[in-house]
Amino acid sequence: MKIQIFTSPRCKVCAQAKNFLAKRGICFEERDIRSDSENERILTEDLDSRTTPTLVAEGKIIVGFDRAQYARLAVCLPQQKHGRHGGI
């Protein structure tokens, strides 16, 4: 499952979301909206969101950090460790 998470610098909730995913071995691609204007365009225009973090997983969009919804993602993934992209 491909997971992208749209973040912004110094966003404490973004850090919590990334930490949650990393601790569960869920790989993700971090998309910083401040360092890349295309990421910001995708967030606002394509995803119709102005909130970070916004997570996209196989067409499902989760705006904000909702632990219950993030935990459901973990259930859908194989129980193995994955590498991840993006730092905490």
PDB file of N, CA and C in Angstrom:
ATOM      1  N   MET A   1       0.851  -1.173   0.000  1.00  0.00           N
ATOM      2  CA  MET A   1       0.000   0.000   0.000  1.00  0.00           C
ATOM      3  C   MET A   1       0.897   1.237   0.000  1.00  0.00           C
ATOM      4  N   LYS A   2       0.666   2.114  -0.945  1.00  0.00           N
ATOM      5  CA  LYS A   2       1.435   3.353  -1.016  1.00  0.00           C
ATOM      6  C   LYS A   2       0.774   4.404  -0.125  1.00  0.00           C
ATOM      7  N   ILE A   3       1.566   4.992   0.751  1.00  0.00           N
ATOM      8  CA  ILE A   3       1.060   6.016   1.658  1.00  0.00           C
ATOM      9  C   ILE A   3       1.878   7.286   1.470  1.00  0.00           C
ATOM     10  N   GLN A   4       1.170   8.383   1.284  1.00  0.00           N
ATOM     11  CA  GLN A   4       1.794   9.704   1.228  1.00  0.00           C
ATOM     12  C   GLN A   4       1.224  10.525   2.372  1.00  0.00           C
ATOM     13  N   ILE A   5       2.088  11.298   3.008  1.00  0.00           N
ATOM     14  CA  ILE A   5       1.633  12.169   4.081  1.00  0.00           C
ATOM     15  C   ILE A   5       2.138  13.580   3.790  1.00  0.00           C
ATOM     16  N   PHE A   6       1.206  14.502   3.679  1.00  0.00           N
ATOM     17  CA  PHE A   6       1.514  15.902   3.398  1.00  0.00           C
ATOM     18  C   PHE A   6       1.716  16.604   4.721  1.00  0.00           C
ATOM     19  N   THR A   7       2.886  17.232   4.874  1.00  0.00           N
ATOM     20  CA  THR A   7       3.291  17.828   6.148  1.00  0.00           C
ATOM     21  C   THR A   7       3.795  19.252   5.940  1.00  0.00           C
ATOM     22  N   SER A   8       4.008  19.922   7.058  1.00  0.00           N
ATOM     23  CA  SER A   8       4.670  21.231   7.027  1.00  0.00           C
ATOM     24  C   SER A   8       5.669  21.271   8.182  1.00  0.00           C
ATOM     25  N   PRO A   9       6.727  22.059   8.038  1.00  0.00           N
ATOM     26  CA  PRO A   9       7.756  22.134   9.081  1.00  0.00           C
ATOM     27  C   PRO A   9       7.176  22.648  10.397  1.00  0.00           C
ATOM     28  N   ARG A  10       7.753  22.199  11.466  1.00  0.00           N
ATOM     29  CA  ARG A  10       7.375  22.627  12.818  1.00  0.00           C
ATOM     30  C   ARG A  10       5.930  22.304  13.179  1.00  0.00           C
ATOM     31  N   CYS A  11       5.304  21.405  12.429  1.00  0.00           N
ATOM     32  CA  CYS A  11       3.939  20.961  12.716  1.00  0.00           C
ATOM     33  C   CYS A  11       4.030  19.799  13.707  1.00  0.00           C
ATOM     34  N   LYS A  12       3.650  20.061  14.948  1.00  0.00           N
ATOM     35  CA  LYS A  12       3.761  19.031  15.993  1.00  0.00           C
ATOM     36  C   LYS A  12       2.853  17.842  15.713  1.00  0.00           C
ATOM     37  N   VAL A  13       1.679  18.104  15.181  1.00  0.00           N
ATOM     38  CA  VAL A  13       0.759  17.011  14.866  1.00  0.00           C
ATOM     39  C   VAL A  13       1.319  16.155  13.729  1.00  0.00           C
ATOM     40  N   CYS A  14       1.995  16.794  12.773  1.00  0.00           N
ATOM     41  CA  CYS A  14       2.647  16.046  11.685  1.00  0.00           C
ATOM     42  C   CYS A  14       3.703  15.106  12.264  1.00  0.00           C
ATOM     43  N   ALA A  15       4.478  15.613  13.196  1.00  0.00           N
ATOM     44  CA  ALA A  15       5.513  14.790  13.831  1.00  0.00           C
ATOM     45  C   ALA A  15       4.882  13.606  14.565  1.00  0.00           C
ATOM     46  N   GLN A  16       3.766  13.824  15.239  1.00  0.00           N
ATOM     47  CA  GLN A  16       3.072  12.735  15.926  1.00  0.00           C
ATOM     48  C   GLN A  16       2.581  11.687  14.928  1.00  0.00           C
ATOM     49  N   ALA A  17       2.025  12.155  13.813  1.00  0.00           N
ATOM     50  CA  ALA A  17       1.517  11.235  12.796  1.00  0.00           C
ATOM     51  C   ALA A  17       2.651  10.392  12.205  1.00  0.00           C
ATOM     52  N   LYS A  18       3.764  11.041  11.865  1.00  0.00           N
ATOM     53  CA  LYS A  18       4.903  10.317  11.299  1.00  0.00           C
ATOM     54  C   LYS A  18       5.465   9.324  12.305  1.00  0.00           C
ATOM     55  N   ASN A  19       5.535   9.717  13.558  1.00  0.00           N
ATOM     56  CA  ASN A  19       6.030   8.843  14.612  1.00  0.00           C
ATOM     57  C   ASN A  19       5.115   7.626  14.773  1.00  0.00           C
ATOM     58  N   PHE A  20       3.816   7.849  14.740  1.00  0.00           N
ATOM     59  CA  PHE A  20       2.839   6.773  14.845  1.00  0.00           C
ATOM     60  C   PHE A  20       3.067   5.740  13.739  1.00  0.00           C
ATOM     61  N   LEU A  21       3.212   6.214  12.507  1.00  0.00           N
ATOM     62  CA  LEU A  21       3.442   5.316  11.378  1.00  0.00           C
ATOM     63  C   LEU A  21       4.779   4.593  11.504  1.00  0.00           C
ATOM     64  N   ALA A  22       5.823   5.337  11.836  1.00  0.00           N
ATOM     65  CA  ALA A  22       7.165   4.754  11.928  1.00  0.00           C
ATOM     66  C   ALA A  22       7.235   3.674  13.005  1.00  0.00           C
ATOM     67  N   LYS A  23       6.611   3.913  14.151  1.00  0.00           N
ATOM     68  CA  LYS A  23       6.644   2.932  15.244  1.00  0.00           C
ATOM     69  C   LYS A  23       5.941   1.637  14.870  1.00  0.00           C
ATOM     70  N   ARG A  24       5.052   1.704  13.919  1.00  0.00           N
ATOM     71  CA  ARG A  24       4.335   0.516  13.468  1.00  0.00           C
ATOM     72  C   ARG A  24       4.959  -0.093  12.219  1.00  0.00           C
ATOM     73  N   GLY A  25       6.096   0.461  11.793  1.00  0.00           N
ATOM     74  CA  GLY A  25       6.796  -0.073  10.637  1.00  0.00           C
ATOM     75  C   GLY A  25       6.083   0.186   9.323  1.00  0.00           C
ATOM     76  N   ILE A  26       5.267   1.231   9.290  1.00  0.00           N
ATOM     77  CA  ILE A  26       4.507   1.557   8.085  1.00  0.00           C
ATOM     78  C   ILE A  26       5.312   2.544   7.252  1.00  0.00           C
ATOM     79  N   CYS A  27       5.637   2.137   6.040  1.00  0.00           N
ATOM     80  CA  CYS A  27       6.418   3.031   5.186  1.00  0.00           C
ATOM     81  C   CYS A  27       5.512   4.093   4.583  1.00  0.00           C
ATOM     82  N   PHE A  28       6.081   5.257   4.376  1.00  0.00           N
ATOM     83  CA  PHE A  28       5.325   6.371   3.828  1.00  0.00           C
ATOM     84  C   PHE A  28       6.260   7.310   3.096  1.00  0.00           C
ATOM     85  N   GLU A  29       5.677   8.090   2.220  1.00  0.00           N
ATOM     86  CA  GLU A  29       6.417   9.128   1.509  1.00  0.00           C
ATOM     87  C   GLU A  29       5.966  10.463   2.082  1.00  0.00           C
ATOM     88  N   GLU A  30       6.899  11.205   2.629  1.00  0.00           N
ATOM     89  CA  GLU A  30       6.575  12.512   3.185  1.00  0.00           C
ATOM     90  C   GLU A  30       6.586  13.552   2.074  1.00  0.00           C
ATOM     91  N   ARG A  31       5.565  14.378   2.047  1.00  0.00           N
ATOM     92  CA  ARG A  31       5.443  15.453   1.063  1.00  0.00           C
ATOM     93  C   ARG A  31       5.368  16.780   1.810  1.00  0.00           C
ATOM     94  N   ASP A  32       6.481  17.466   1.936  1.00  0.00           N
ATOM     95  CA  ASP A  32       6.559  18.750   2.646  1.00  0.00           C
ATOM     96  C   ASP A  32       5.974  19.843   1.753  1.00  0.00           C
ATOM     97  N   ILE A  33       4.908  20.479   2.214  1.00  0.00           N
ATOM     98  CA  ILE A  33       4.237  21.488   1.380  1.00  0.00           C
ATOM     99  C   ILE A  33       4.972  22.816   1.349  1.00  0.00           C
ATOM    100  N   ARG A  34       5.877  23.037   2.270  1.00  0.00           N
ATOM    101  CA  ARG A  34       6.627  24.300   2.297  1.00  0.00           C
ATOM    102  C   ARG A  34       7.873  24.257   1.431  1.00  0.00           C
ATOM    103  N   SER A  35       8.446  23.074   1.256  1.00  0.00           N
ATOM    104  CA  SER A  35       9.670  22.977   0.466  1.00  0.00           C
ATOM    105  C   SER A  35       9.398  22.704  -1.010  1.00  0.00           C
ATOM    106  N   ASP A  36       8.152  22.377  -1.345  1.00  0.00           N
ATOM    107  CA  ASP A  36       7.820  22.056  -2.737  1.00  0.00           C
ATOM    108  C   ASP A  36       6.420  22.575  -3.045  1.00  0.00           C
ATOM    109  N   SER A  37       6.336  23.564  -3.902  1.00  0.00           N
ATOM    110  CA  SER A  37       5.046  24.185  -4.224  1.00  0.00           C
ATOM    111  C   SER A  37       4.087  23.203  -4.900  1.00  0.00           C
ATOM    112  N   GLU A  38       4.620  22.207  -5.589  1.00  0.00           N
ATOM    113  CA  GLU A  38       3.749  21.202  -6.212  1.00  0.00           C
ATOM    114  C   GLU A  38       3.028  20.380  -5.153  1.00  0.00           C
ATOM    115  N   ASN A  39       3.710  20.082  -4.050  1.00  0.00           N
ATOM    116  CA  ASN A  39       3.062  19.367  -2.944  1.00  0.00           C
ATOM    117  C   ASN A  39       1.922  20.198  -2.359  1.00  0.00           C
ATOM    118  N   GLU A  40       2.155  21.507  -2.231  1.00  0.00           N
ATOM    119  CA  GLU A  40       1.100  22.378  -1.706  1.00  0.00           C
ATOM    120  C   GLU A  40      -0.078  22.444  -2.687  1.00  0.00           C
ATOM    121  N   ARG A  41       0.213  22.484  -3.972  1.00  0.00           N
ATOM    122  CA  ARG A  41      -0.853  22.508  -4.978  1.00  0.00           C
ATOM    123  C   ARG A  41      -1.681  21.224  -4.921  1.00  0.00           C
ATOM    124  N   ILE A  42      -1.012  20.093  -4.815  1.00  0.00           N
ATOM    125  CA  ILE A  42      -1.716  18.806  -4.728  1.00  0.00           C
ATOM    126  C   ILE A  42      -2.613  18.789  -3.491  1.00  0.00           C
ATOM    127  N   LEU A  43      -2.069  19.236  -2.362  1.00  0.00           N
ATOM    128  CA  LEU A  43      -2.837  19.249  -1.115  1.00  0.00           C
ATOM    129  C   LEU A  43      -4.095  20.098  -1.257  1.00  0.00           C
ATOM    130  N   THR A  44      -3.934  21.318  -1.739  1.00  0.00           N
ATOM    131  CA  THR A  44      -5.062  22.250  -1.766  1.00  0.00           C
ATOM    132  C   THR A  44      -6.015  22.011  -2.928  1.00  0.00           C
ATOM    133  N   GLU A  45      -5.484  21.722  -4.101  1.00  0.00           N
ATOM    134  CA  GLU A  45      -6.343  21.593  -5.278  1.00  0.00           C
ATOM    135  C   GLU A  45      -6.841  20.157  -5.492  1.00  0.00           C
ATOM    136  N   ASP A  46      -5.927  19.211  -5.528  1.00  0.00           N
ATOM    137  CA  ASP A  46      -6.319  17.833  -5.828  1.00  0.00           C
ATOM    138  C   ASP A  46      -7.011  17.157  -4.639  1.00  0.00           C
ATOM    139  N   LEU A  47      -6.511  17.421  -3.431  1.00  0.00           N
ATOM    140  CA  LEU A  47      -7.061  16.773  -2.244  1.00  0.00           C
ATOM    141  C   LEU A  47      -8.083  17.643  -1.512  1.00  0.00           C
ATOM    142  N   ASP A  48      -8.209  18.899  -1.932  1.00  0.00           N
ATOM    143  CA  ASP A  48      -9.146  19.843  -1.336  1.00  0.00           C
ATOM    144  C   ASP A  48      -8.956  19.943   0.183  1.00  0.00           C
ATOM    145  N   SER A  49      -7.696  20.046   0.605  1.00  0.00           N
ATOM    146  CA  SER A  49      -7.370  20.152   2.025  1.00  0.00           C
ATOM    147  C   SER A  49      -6.442  21.338   2.244  1.00  0.00           C
ATOM    148  N   ARG A  50      -6.531  21.908   3.400  1.00  0.00           N
ATOM    149  CA  ARG A  50      -5.618  22.969   3.808  1.00  0.00           C
ATOM    150  C   ARG A  50      -4.990  22.620   5.162  1.00  0.00           C
ATOM    151  N   THR A  51      -5.087  21.348   5.503  1.00  0.00           N
ATOM    152  CA  THR A  51      -4.660  20.881   6.812  1.00  0.00           C
ATOM    153  C   THR A  51      -3.477  19.931   6.689  1.00  0.00           C
ATOM    154  N   THR A  52      -2.495  20.108   7.569  1.00  0.00           N
ATOM    155  CA  THR A  52      -1.429  19.119   7.693  1.00  0.00           C
ATOM    156  C   THR A  52      -1.515  18.526   9.098  1.00  0.00           C
ATOM    157  N   PRO A  53      -1.282  17.246   9.209  1.00  0.00           N
ATOM    158  CA  PRO A  53      -0.999  16.312   8.134  1.00  0.00           C
ATOM    159  C   PRO A  53      -2.276  15.918   7.385  1.00  0.00           C
ATOM    160  N   THR A  54      -2.107  15.616   6.133  1.00  0.00           N
ATOM    161  CA  THR A  54      -3.142  14.951   5.337  1.00  0.00           C
ATOM    162  C   THR A  54      -2.487  13.711   4.764  1.00  0.00           C
ATOM    163  N   LEU A  55      -3.100  12.573   5.024  1.00  0.00           N
ATOM    164  CA  LEU A  55      -2.550  11.292   4.607  1.00  0.00           C
ATOM    165  C   LEU A  55      -3.402  10.738   3.470  1.00  0.00           C
ATOM    166  N   VAL A  56      -2.731  10.164   2.468  1.00  0.00           N
ATOM    167  CA  VAL A  56      -3.418   9.532   1.348  1.00  0.00           C
ATOM    168  C   VAL A  56      -2.920   8.093   1.250  1.00  0.00           C
ATOM    169  N   ALA A  57      -3.857   7.158   1.281  1.00  0.00           N
ATOM    170  CA  ALA A  57      -3.514   5.737   1.181  1.00  0.00           C
ATOM    171  C   ALA A  57      -4.528   5.059   0.265  1.00  0.00           C
ATOM    172  N   GLU A  58      -4.078   4.698  -0.929  1.00  0.00           N
ATOM    173  CA  GLU A  58      -4.919   3.994  -1.901  1.00  0.00           C
ATOM    174  C   GLU A  58      -6.269   4.680  -2.084  1.00  0.00           C
ATOM    175  N   GLY A  59      -6.236   5.982  -2.303  1.00  0.00           N
ATOM    176  CA  GLY A  59      -7.448   6.742  -2.571  1.00  0.00           C
ATOM    177  C   GLY A  59      -8.179   7.229  -1.338  1.00  0.00           C
ATOM    178  N   LYS A  60      -7.852   6.709  -0.174  1.00  0.00           N
ATOM    179  CA  LYS A  60      -8.466   7.159   1.072  1.00  0.00           C
ATOM    180  C   LYS A  60      -7.693   8.372   1.569  1.00  0.00           C
ATOM    181  N   ILE A  61      -8.416   9.422   1.951  1.00  0.00           N
ATOM    182  CA  ILE A  61      -7.794  10.650   2.440  1.00  0.00           C
ATOM    183  C   ILE A  61      -8.169  10.833   3.902  1.00  0.00           C
ATOM    184  N   ILE A  62      -7.153  11.010   4.736  1.00  0.00           N
ATOM    185  CA  ILE A  62      -7.373  11.271   6.156  1.00  0.00           C
ATOM    186  C   ILE A  62      -6.793  12.644   6.454  1.00  0.00           C
ATOM    187  N   VAL A  63      -7.659  13.589   6.773  1.00  0.00           N
ATOM    188  CA  VAL A  63      -7.242  14.958   7.082  1.00  0.00           C
ATOM    189  C   VAL A  63      -7.031  15.064   8.583  1.00  0.00           C
ATOM    190  N   GLY A  64      -5.842  15.528   8.967  1.00  0.00           N
ATOM    191  CA  GLY A  64      -5.497  15.592  10.382  1.00  0.00           C
ATOM    192  C   GLY A  64      -4.944  14.250  10.840  1.00  0.00           C
ATOM    193  N   PHE A  65      -4.603  14.169  12.103  1.00  0.00           N
ATOM    194  CA  PHE A  65      -4.063  12.929  12.669  1.00  0.00           C
ATOM    195  C   PHE A  65      -5.142  12.280  13.512  1.00  0.00           C
ATOM    196  N   ASP A  66      -5.775  11.272  12.950  1.00  0.00           N
ATOM    197  CA  ASP A  66      -6.823  10.515  13.624  1.00  0.00           C
ATOM    198  C   ASP A  66      -6.251   9.135  13.933  1.00  0.00           C
ATOM    199  N   ARG A  67      -5.906   8.904  15.196  1.00  0.00           N
ATOM    200  CA  ARG A  67      -5.256   7.646  15.586  1.00  0.00           C
ATOM    201  C   ARG A  67      -6.059   6.418  15.175  1.00  0.00           C
ATOM    202  N   ALA A  68      -7.364   6.471  15.327  1.00  0.00           N
ATOM    203  CA  ALA A  68      -8.197   5.313  14.995  1.00  0.00           C
ATOM    204  C   ALA A  68      -8.115   4.994  13.502  1.00  0.00           C
ATOM    205  N   GLN A  69      -8.191   6.019  12.665  1.00  0.00           N
ATOM    206  CA  GLN A  69      -8.101   5.781  11.224  1.00  0.00           C
ATOM    207  C   GLN A  69      -6.706   5.332  10.818  1.00  0.00           C
ATOM    208  N   TYR A  70      -5.684   5.911  11.436  1.00  0.00           N
ATOM    209  CA  TYR A  70      -4.312   5.487  11.142  1.00  0.00           C
ATOM    210  C   TYR A  70      -4.109   4.036  11.577  1.00  0.00           C
ATOM    211  N   ALA A  71      -4.668   3.649  12.710  1.00  0.00           N
ATOM    212  CA  ALA A  71      -4.530   2.279  13.207  1.00  0.00           C
ATOM    213  C   ALA A  71      -5.198   1.294  12.254  1.00  0.00           C
ATOM    214  N   ARG A  72      -6.306   1.691  11.645  1.00  0.00           N
ATOM    215  CA  ARG A  72      -6.971   0.820  10.670  1.00  0.00           C
ATOM    216  C   ARG A  72      -6.068   0.590   9.453  1.00  0.00           C
ATOM    217  N   LEU A  73      -5.268   1.588   9.101  1.00  0.00           N
ATOM    218  CA  LEU A  73      -4.314   1.392   8.003  1.00  0.00           C
ATOM    219  C   LEU A  73      -3.339   0.280   8.349  1.00  0.00           C
ATOM    220  N   ALA A  74      -2.879   0.274   9.589  1.00  0.00           N
ATOM    221  CA  ALA A  74      -1.902  -0.719  10.029  1.00  0.00           C
ATOM    222  C   ALA A  74      -2.479  -2.125   9.931  1.00  0.00           C
ATOM    223  N   VAL A  75      -3.779  -2.272  10.171  1.00  0.00           N
ATOM    224  CA  VAL A  75      -4.423  -3.571  10.099  1.00  0.00           C
ATOM    225  C   VAL A  75      -4.418  -4.092   8.662  1.00  0.00           C
ATOM    226  N   CYS A  76      -4.488  -3.193   7.696  1.00  0.00           N
ATOM    227  CA  CYS A  76      -4.530  -3.584   6.282  1.00  0.00           C
ATOM    228  C   CYS A  76      -3.163  -3.975   5.737  1.00  0.00           C
ATOM    229  N   LEU A  77      -2.109  -3.644   6.440  1.00  0.00           N
ATOM    230  CA  LEU A  77      -0.755  -3.898   5.953  1.00  0.00           C
ATOM    231  C   LEU A  77      -0.241  -5.235   6.445  1.00  0.00           C
ATOM    232  N   PRO A  78       0.645  -5.873   5.674  1.00  0.00           N
ATOM    233  CA  PRO A  78       1.284  -7.103   6.141  1.00  0.00           C
ATOM    234  C   PRO A  78       2.059  -6.838   7.432  1.00  0.00           C
ATOM    235  N   GLN A  79       2.111  -7.800   8.285  1.00  0.00           N
ATOM    236  CA  GLN A  79       2.810  -7.657   9.558  1.00  0.00           C
ATOM    237  C   GLN A  79       4.310  -7.872   9.378  1.00  0.00           C
ATOM    238  N   GLN A  80       4.951  -6.934   8.741  1.00  0.00           N
ATOM    239  CA  GLN A  80       6.400  -6.975   8.555  1.00  0.00           C
ATOM    240  C   GLN A  80       6.932  -5.556   8.589  1.00  0.00           C
ATOM    241  N   LYS A  81       8.175  -5.432   8.887  1.00  0.00           N
ATOM    242  CA  LYS A  81       8.812  -4.117   8.930  1.00  0.00           C
ATOM    243  C   LYS A  81       9.068  -3.636   7.517  1.00  0.00           C
ATOM    244  N   HIS A  82       8.799  -2.355   7.293  1.00  0.00           N
ATOM    245  CA  HIS A  82       9.031  -1.734   5.998  1.00  0.00           C
ATOM    246  C   HIS A  82       9.986  -0.568   6.211  1.00  0.00           C
ATOM    247  N   GLY A  83      10.773  -0.278   5.217  1.00  0.00           N
ATOM    248  CA  GLY A  83      11.548   0.967   5.237  1.00  0.00           C
ATOM    249  C   GLY A  83      10.590   2.112   5.033  1.00  0.00           C
ATOM    250  N   ARG A  84      11.007   3.304   5.338  1.00  0.00           N
ATOM    251  CA  ARG A  84      10.124   4.434   5.120  1.00  0.00           C
ATOM    252  C   ARG A  84      10.920   5.576   4.560  1.00  0.00           C
ATOM    253  N   HIS A  85      10.210   6.490   3.948  1.00  0.00           N
ATOM    254  CA  HIS A  85      10.823   7.701   3.412  1.00  0.00           C
ATOM    255  C   HIS A  85      10.401   8.833   4.305  1.00  0.00           C
ATOM    256  N   GLY A  86      11.244   9.822   4.414  1.00  0.00           N
ATOM    257  CA  GLY A  86      10.898  10.985   5.231  1.00  0.00           C
ATOM    258  C   GLY A  86      11.442  10.798   6.620  1.00  0.00           C
ATOM    259  N   GLY A  87      11.771  11.876   7.250  1.00  0.00           N
ATOM    260  CA  GLY A  87      12.326  11.820   8.595  1.00  0.00           C
ATOM    261  C   GLY A  87      11.309  12.265   9.614  1.00  0.00           C
ATOM    262  N   ILE A  88      11.687  12.049  10.820  1.00  0.00           N
ATOM    263  CA  ILE A  88      10.808  12.476  11.919  1.00  0.00           C
ATOM    264  C   ILE A  88      11.374  13.734  12.508  1.00  0.00           C
TER     265      ILE A  88
END
